[in-house]
Amino acid sequence: MEENPQPRSIHLTDPRALRAYAHPTRMALVGLLRSSGPFTATRAAELTGESVASCSYHLRILAKYGLVEEAPGGRGREKPWRATARYTDWPGDSEDASVAEAADALSAAVAERYFERVLRAMKDRQRLPREWREAEQFGDSLLYLTPAELTAFGERVEELLRPYEDRQSDPSLRPEGARPVSVLRIAYLDREIPEESFDDERNER
């Protein structure tokens, strides 16, 4: 039995930590450590295309804010690093203006990273076997929800995903043919639809 199981999520509230994590190389390193770690700065450089010195620097910054930590088994300078949690979350809203600003900046940086990865996946998807091309999902839905309903919707999605989470850390749980699939969850108030349309609907009732 594992003595110190990895926590599911690390919650960032310090504006300095939020700004630090918004760096694209740091987000890439944390993501790689979660999927392929532990590994050393040398291996990080091979995976990211950055220099060893750059990776070492960014890993130390991430460790400062609790996103990564040294893993056992290293020798000398070749110390391995590991992620401290499976996921990162941060406030969606805060009365502290510095926290709110840093959180929004991080959300924007993460969204940009998401869609860069989606575009790369779309570019290369013709190389995939047909069953994977047919299984992949690209689409959107427009739903009319209250804030409470949107919160409940998110909780239901979380419940759907949780049974598959342990497969990331325990390969023995993966059925034959399972491969890593990134699932994006983005739900936002669509302000491109004129507010007048809501008023017209209410007046017709």
C-alpha atoms as a PDB file:
ATOM      1  CA  MET A   1       0.000   0.000   0.000  1.00  0.00           C
ATOM      2  CA  GLU A   2       1.342   3.412  -0.974  1.00  0.00           C
ATOM      3  CA  GLU A   3       2.298   5.434   2.123  1.00  0.00           C
ATOM      4  CA  ASN A   4       1.821   8.899   0.649  1.00  0.00           C
ATOM      5  CA  PRO A   5      -0.679   8.690  -2.212  1.00  0.00           C
ATOM      6  CA  GLN A   6      -0.590  11.578  -4.628  1.00  0.00           C
ATOM      7  CA  PRO A   7      -3.381  14.084  -3.973  1.00  0.00           C
ATOM      8  CA  ARG A   8      -5.897  14.485  -6.760  1.00  0.00           C
ATOM      9  CA  SER A   9      -5.495  18.250  -7.081  1.00  0.00           C
ATOM     10  CA  ILE A  10      -3.389  21.171  -5.930  1.00  0.00           C
ATOM     11  CA  HIS A  11      -5.280  24.435  -5.393  1.00  0.00           C
ATOM     12  CA  LEU A  12      -3.405  27.647  -6.237  1.00  0.00           C
ATOM     13  CA  THR A  13      -4.486  30.893  -4.561  1.00  0.00           C
ATOM     14  CA  ASP A  14      -1.223  32.846  -4.274  1.00  0.00           C
ATOM     15  CA  PRO A  15      -1.042  35.378  -7.141  1.00  0.00           C
ATOM     16  CA  ARG A  16       2.695  34.677  -7.436  1.00  0.00           C
ATOM     17  CA  ALA A  17       2.030  30.962  -7.881  1.00  0.00           C
ATOM     18  CA  LEU A  18      -0.722  31.658 -10.419  1.00  0.00           C
ATOM     19  CA  ARG A  19       1.575  33.900 -12.455  1.00  0.00           C
ATOM     20  CA  ALA A  20       4.448  31.415 -12.208  1.00  0.00           C
ATOM     21  CA  TYR A  21       2.339  28.530 -13.474  1.00  0.00           C
ATOM     22  CA  ALA A  22       1.069  30.579 -16.438  1.00  0.00           C
ATOM     23  CA  HIS A  23       4.461  30.207 -18.172  1.00  0.00           C
ATOM     24  CA  PRO A  24       4.056  27.824 -21.149  1.00  0.00           C
ATOM     25  CA  THR A  25       7.224  25.832 -20.415  1.00  0.00           C
ATOM     26  CA  ARG A  26       6.154  25.297 -16.811  1.00  0.00           C
ATOM     27  CA  MET A  27       2.692  24.138 -17.829  1.00  0.00           C
ATOM     28  CA  ALA A  28       4.306  21.750 -20.307  1.00  0.00           C
ATOM     29  CA  LEU A  29       6.676  20.369 -17.661  1.00  0.00           C
ATOM     30  CA  VAL A  30       3.904  19.755 -15.142  1.00  0.00           C
ATOM     31  CA  GLY A  31       1.794  18.060 -17.801  1.00  0.00           C
ATOM     32  CA  LEU A  32       4.668  15.814 -18.849  1.00  0.00           C
ATOM     33  CA  LEU A  33       5.526  14.904 -15.262  1.00  0.00           C
ATOM     34  CA  ARG A  34       1.909  13.904 -14.688  1.00  0.00           C
ATOM     35  CA  SER A  35       1.784  11.712 -17.773  1.00  0.00           C
ATOM     36  CA  SER A  36       5.387  10.474 -18.068  1.00  0.00           C
ATOM     37  CA  GLY A  37       7.253  11.300 -14.870  1.00  0.00           C
ATOM     38  CA  PRO A  38       9.264  11.118 -12.777  1.00  0.00           C
ATOM     39  CA  PHE A  39      12.203  12.342 -14.861  1.00  0.00           C
ATOM     40  CA  THR A  40      15.310  14.494 -14.641  1.00  0.00           C
ATOM     41  CA  ALA A  41      15.963  17.938 -16.086  1.00  0.00           C
ATOM     42  CA  THR A  42      17.997  16.226 -18.812  1.00  0.00           C
ATOM     43  CA  ARG A  43      14.996  14.142 -19.842  1.00  0.00           C
ATOM     44  CA  ALA A  44      12.779  17.228 -19.544  1.00  0.00           C
ATOM     45  CA  ALA A  45      15.043  18.997 -22.030  1.00  0.00           C
ATOM     46  CA  GLU A  46      14.702  16.105 -24.480  1.00  0.00           C
ATOM     47  CA  LEU A  47      10.907  16.150 -24.183  1.00  0.00           C
ATOM     48  CA  THR A  48      10.428  19.916 -24.448  1.00  0.00           C
ATOM     49  CA  GLY A  49      13.262  21.038 -26.690  1.00  0.00           C
ATOM     50  CA  GLU A  50      14.432  23.465 -24.000  1.00  0.00           C
ATOM     51  CA  SER A  51      17.956  23.498 -22.583  1.00  0.00           C
ATOM     52  CA  VAL A  52      18.792  21.495 -19.473  1.00  0.00           C
ATOM     53  CA  ALA A  53      19.582  24.732 -17.625  1.00  0.00           C
ATOM     54  CA  SER A  54      16.216  26.205 -18.591  1.00  0.00           C
ATOM     55  CA  CYS A  55      14.330  23.092 -17.478  1.00  0.00           C
ATOM     56  CA  SER A  56      16.228  23.011 -14.175  1.00  0.00           C
ATOM     57  CA  TYR A  57      15.289  26.635 -13.545  1.00  0.00           C
ATOM     58  CA  HIS A  58      11.613  26.136 -14.358  1.00  0.00           C
ATOM     59  CA  LEU A  59      11.427  22.956 -12.256  1.00  0.00           C
ATOM     60  CA  ARG A  60      12.830  24.833  -9.265  1.00  0.00           C
ATOM     61  CA  ILE A  61      10.222  27.567  -9.706  1.00  0.00           C
ATOM     62  CA  LEU A  62       7.469  24.949  -9.884  1.00  0.00           C
ATOM     63  CA  ALA A  63       8.832  23.296  -6.737  1.00  0.00           C
ATOM     64  CA  LYS A  64       8.793  26.643  -4.940  1.00  0.00           C
ATOM     65  CA  TYR A  65       5.029  26.785  -5.392  1.00  0.00           C
ATOM     66  CA  GLY A  66       4.356  23.132  -4.639  1.00  0.00           C
ATOM     67  CA  LEU A  67       3.566  21.932  -8.152  1.00  0.00           C
ATOM     68  CA  VAL A  68       6.516  19.524  -8.404  1.00  0.00           C
ATOM     69  CA  GLU A  69       8.936  17.945  -5.952  1.00  0.00           C
ATOM     70  CA  GLU A  70      12.111  15.889  -5.980  1.00  0.00           C
ATOM     71  CA  ALA A  71      11.478  12.177  -6.431  1.00  0.00           C
ATOM     72  CA  PRO A  72      13.569   9.502  -4.694  1.00  0.00           C
ATOM     73  CA  GLY A  73      16.317   7.650  -6.511  1.00  0.00           C
ATOM     74  CA  GLY A  74      18.477  10.425  -7.949  1.00  0.00           C
ATOM     75  CA  ARG A  75      22.238  10.692  -7.996  1.00  0.00           C
ATOM     76  CA  GLY A  76      24.117  13.965  -7.756  1.00  0.00           C
ATOM     77  CA  ARG A  77      22.787  16.536 -10.175  1.00  0.00           C
ATOM     78  CA  GLU A  78      20.649  13.976 -11.984  1.00  0.00           C
ATOM     79  CA  LYS A  79      17.801  14.189  -9.520  1.00  0.00           C
ATOM     80  CA  PRO A  80      14.391  13.147 -10.795  1.00  0.00           C
ATOM     81  CA  TRP A  81      11.309  15.305 -10.362  1.00  0.00           C
ATOM     82  CA  ARG A  82       7.666  14.336 -10.007  1.00  0.00           C
ATOM     83  CA  ALA A  83       4.341  16.162 -10.012  1.00  0.00           C
ATOM     84  CA  THR A  84       2.711  16.657  -6.618  1.00  0.00           C
ATOM     85  CA  ALA A  85      -0.884  16.161  -7.836  1.00  0.00           C
ATOM     86  CA  ARG A  86      -2.865  14.930 -10.821  1.00  0.00           C
ATOM     87  CA  TYR A  87      -4.579  18.248 -11.473  1.00  0.00           C
ATOM     88  CA  THR A  88      -4.246  21.953 -10.766  1.00  0.00           C
ATOM     89  CA  ASP A  89      -7.156  24.229  -9.959  1.00  0.00           C
ATOM     90  CA  TRP A  90      -7.488  27.885  -9.034  1.00  0.00           C
ATOM     91  CA  PRO A  91     -10.257  30.338  -8.113  1.00  0.00           C
ATOM     92  CA  GLY A  92     -12.862  31.121 -10.741  1.00  0.00           C
ATOM     93  CA  ASP A  93     -13.574  34.321  -8.831  1.00  0.00           C
ATOM     94  CA  SER A  94     -11.999  36.230  -5.965  1.00  0.00           C
ATOM     95  CA  GLU A  95     -12.682  39.428  -4.043  1.00  0.00           C
ATOM     96  CA  ASP A  96      -8.915  39.966  -4.001  1.00  0.00           C
ATOM     97  CA  ALA A  97      -8.201  41.872  -7.224  1.00  0.00           C
ATOM     98  CA  SER A  98      -4.631  40.553  -7.473  1.00  0.00           C
ATOM     99  CA  VAL A  99      -5.837  36.942  -7.202  1.00  0.00           C
ATOM    100  CA  ALA A 100      -8.665  37.512  -9.697  1.00  0.00           C
ATOM    101  CA  GLU A 101      -6.320  39.136 -12.223  1.00  0.00           C
ATOM    102  CA  ALA A 102      -3.664  36.422 -11.909  1.00  0.00           C
ATOM    103  CA  ALA A 103      -6.291  33.650 -12.085  1.00  0.00           C
ATOM    104  CA  ASP A 104      -7.832  35.110 -15.246  1.00  0.00           C
ATOM    105  CA  ALA A 105      -4.380  35.419 -16.833  1.00  0.00           C
ATOM    106  CA  LEU A 106      -3.649  31.774 -15.996  1.00  0.00           C
ATOM    107  CA  SER A 107      -7.001  30.653 -17.415  1.00  0.00           C
ATOM    108  CA  ALA A 108      -6.236  32.518 -20.647  1.00  0.00           C
ATOM    109  CA  ALA A 109      -2.774  30.931 -20.865  1.00  0.00           C
ATOM    110  CA  VAL A 110      -4.211  27.460 -20.262  1.00  0.00           C
ATOM    111  CA  ALA A 111      -6.933  27.997 -22.902  1.00  0.00           C
ATOM    112  CA  GLU A 112      -4.295  29.049 -25.416  1.00  0.00           C
ATOM    113  CA  ARG A 113      -2.279  25.917 -24.639  1.00  0.00           C
ATOM    114  CA  TYR A 114      -5.376  23.725 -24.962  1.00  0.00           C
ATOM    115  CA  PHE A 115      -6.171  24.957 -28.431  1.00  0.00           C
ATOM    116  CA  GLU A 116      -2.579  24.797 -29.648  1.00  0.00           C
ATOM    117  CA  ARG A 117      -2.664  21.113 -28.713  1.00  0.00           C
ATOM    118  CA  VAL A 118      -6.054  20.609 -30.394  1.00  0.00           C
ATOM    119  CA  LEU A 119      -4.769  22.163 -33.620  1.00  0.00           C
ATOM    120  CA  ARG A 120      -1.724  19.885 -33.569  1.00  0.00           C
ATOM    121  CA  ALA A 121      -3.990  16.886 -33.030  1.00  0.00           C
ATOM    122  CA  MET A 122      -6.215  17.941 -35.935  1.00  0.00           C
ATOM    123  CA  LYS A 123      -3.187  18.403 -38.200  1.00  0.00           C
ATOM    124  CA  ASP A 124      -1.957  14.844 -37.651  1.00  0.00           C
ATOM    125  CA  ARG A 125      -5.240  12.988 -37.185  1.00  0.00           C
ATOM    126  CA  GLN A 126      -5.266  11.419 -40.676  1.00  0.00           C
ATOM    127  CA  ARG A 127      -2.395   9.241 -39.475  1.00  0.00           C
ATOM    128  CA  LEU A 128      -4.651   7.645 -36.863  1.00  0.00           C
ATOM    129  CA  PRO A 129      -6.442   4.342 -37.406  1.00  0.00           C
ATOM    130  CA  ARG A 130      -9.999   4.774 -38.644  1.00  0.00           C
ATOM    131  CA  GLU A 131     -11.592   3.662 -35.366  1.00  0.00           C
ATOM    132  CA  TRP A 132      -9.790   6.461 -33.501  1.00  0.00           C
ATOM    133  CA  ARG A 133     -10.726   9.091 -36.089  1.00  0.00           C
ATOM    134  CA  GLU A 134     -14.362   8.051 -35.785  1.00  0.00           C
ATOM    135  CA  ALA A 135     -14.237   8.000 -31.982  1.00  0.00           C
ATOM    136  CA  GLU A 136     -12.689  11.464 -31.549  1.00  0.00           C
ATOM    137  CA  GLN A 137     -15.163  14.205 -30.713  1.00  0.00           C
ATOM    138  CA  PHE A 138     -15.226  17.793 -31.918  1.00  0.00           C
ATOM    139  CA  GLY A 139     -18.352  19.849 -31.378  1.00  0.00           C
ATOM    140  CA  ASP A 140     -20.227  22.245 -29.151  1.00  0.00           C
ATOM    141  CA  SER A 141     -23.664  22.680 -27.597  1.00  0.00           C
ATOM    142  CA  LEU A 142     -25.580  25.813 -26.632  1.00  0.00           C
ATOM    143  CA  LEU A 143     -27.464  25.251 -23.379  1.00  0.00           C
ATOM    144  CA  TYR A 144     -29.665  27.637 -21.424  1.00  0.00           C
ATOM    145  CA  LEU A 145     -28.656  27.133 -17.790  1.00  0.00           C
ATOM    146  CA  THR A 146     -28.722  28.902 -14.460  1.00  0.00           C
ATOM    147  CA  PRO A 147     -25.451  29.245 -12.513  1.00  0.00           C
ATOM    148  CA  ALA A 148     -26.609  26.458 -10.186  1.00  0.00           C
ATOM    149  CA  GLU A 149     -27.431  24.179 -13.116  1.00  0.00           C
ATOM    150  CA  LEU A 150     -24.050  24.843 -14.726  1.00  0.00           C
ATOM    151  CA  THR A 151     -22.325  23.956 -11.446  1.00  0.00           C
ATOM    152  CA  ALA A 152     -24.339  20.745 -11.208  1.00  0.00           C
ATOM    153  CA  PHE A 153     -23.563  19.954 -14.837  1.00  0.00           C
ATOM    154  CA  GLY A 154     -19.838  20.237 -14.114  1.00  0.00           C
ATOM    155  CA  GLU A 155     -20.164  17.934 -11.125  1.00  0.00           C
ATOM    156  CA  ARG A 156     -21.912  15.308 -13.273  1.00  0.00           C
ATOM    157  CA  VAL A 157     -19.111  15.484 -15.847  1.00  0.00           C
ATOM    158  CA  GLU A 158     -16.575  15.002 -13.026  1.00  0.00           C
ATOM    159  CA  GLU A 159     -18.477  11.895 -11.909  1.00  0.00           C
ATOM    160  CA  LEU A 160     -18.337  10.497 -15.452  1.00  0.00           C
ATOM    161  CA  LEU A 161     -14.562  10.953 -15.685  1.00  0.00           C
ATOM    162  CA  ARG A 162     -13.501   9.744 -12.238  1.00  0.00           C
ATOM    163  CA  PRO A 163     -13.754   5.973 -12.956  1.00  0.00           C
ATOM    164  CA  TYR A 164     -11.034   6.341 -15.603  1.00  0.00           C
ATOM    165  CA  GLU A 165      -8.592   8.495 -13.598  1.00  0.00           C
ATOM    166  CA  ASP A 166      -6.666   5.707 -11.862  1.00  0.00           C
ATOM    167  CA  ARG A 167      -5.623   4.289 -15.223  1.00  0.00           C
ATOM    168  CA  GLN A 168      -3.125   7.145 -15.534  1.00  0.00           C
ATOM    169  CA  SER A 169      -1.066   6.052 -12.526  1.00  0.00           C
ATOM    170  CA  ASP A 170      -1.766   2.301 -12.725  1.00  0.00           C
ATOM    171  CA  PRO A 171      -1.165   0.773 -16.189  1.00  0.00           C
ATOM    172  CA  SER A 172      -2.592  -2.563 -15.022  1.00  0.00           C
ATOM    173  CA  LEU A 173      -6.043  -0.968 -15.007  1.00  0.00           C
ATOM    174  CA  ARG A 174      -5.894  -0.059 -18.696  1.00  0.00           C
ATOM    175  CA  PRO A 175      -7.788  -2.401 -21.030  1.00  0.00           C
ATOM    176  CA  GLU A 176      -6.082  -3.612 -24.175  1.00  0.00           C
ATOM    177  CA  GLY A 177      -6.052  -0.899 -26.823  1.00  0.00           C
ATOM    178  CA  ALA A 178      -6.377   1.995 -24.350  1.00  0.00           C
ATOM    179  CA  ARG A 179      -4.398   5.095 -25.323  1.00  0.00           C
ATOM    180  CA  PRO A 180      -4.083   8.550 -23.727  1.00  0.00           C
ATOM    181  CA  VAL A 181      -7.051  10.766 -24.612  1.00  0.00           C
ATOM    182  CA  SER A 182      -7.249  14.431 -23.576  1.00  0.00           C
ATOM    183  CA  VAL A 183     -10.758  15.556 -22.673  1.00  0.00           C
ATOM    184  CA  LEU A 184     -11.303  19.328 -22.567  1.00  0.00           C
ATOM    185  CA  ARG A 185     -14.090  20.773 -20.437  1.00  0.00           C
ATOM    186  CA  ILE A 186     -14.942  24.389 -21.192  1.00  0.00           C
ATOM    187  CA  ALA A 187     -18.289  25.986 -20.405  1.00  0.00           C
ATOM    188  CA  TYR A 188     -18.716  29.753 -20.493  1.00  0.00           C
ATOM    189  CA  LEU A 189     -21.468  32.350 -20.604  1.00  0.00           C
ATOM    190  CA  ASP A 190     -21.873  33.123 -24.321  1.00  0.00           C
ATOM    191  CA  ARG A 191     -21.883  36.896 -24.557  1.00  0.00           C
ATOM    192  CA  GLU A 192     -21.940  36.877 -28.361  1.00  0.00           C
ATOM    193  CA  ILE A 193     -25.676  36.184 -28.252  1.00  0.00           C
ATOM    194  CA  PRO A 194     -27.471  39.540 -27.791  1.00  0.00           C
ATOM    195  CA  GLU A 195     -29.144  39.983 -24.429  1.00  0.00           C
ATOM    196  CA  GLU A 196     -32.209  41.345 -26.250  1.00  0.00           C
ATOM    197  CA  SER A 197     -33.052  37.819 -27.404  1.00  0.00           C
ATOM    198  CA  PHE A 198     -33.559  36.777 -23.762  1.00  0.00           C
ATOM    199  CA  ASP A 199     -35.893  39.731 -23.130  1.00  0.00           C
ATOM    200  CA  ASP A 200     -37.945  38.932 -26.253  1.00  0.00           C
ATOM    201  CA  GLU A 201     -38.419  35.336 -25.111  1.00  0.00           C
ATOM    202  CA  ARG A 202     -39.608  36.422 -21.655  1.00  0.00           C
ATOM    203  CA  ASN A 203     -42.026  38.957 -23.080  1.00  0.00           C
ATOM    204  CA  GLU A 204     -43.653  36.367 -25.340  1.00  0.00           C
ATOM    205  CA  ARG A 205     -44.590  34.151 -22.389  1.00  0.00           C
END
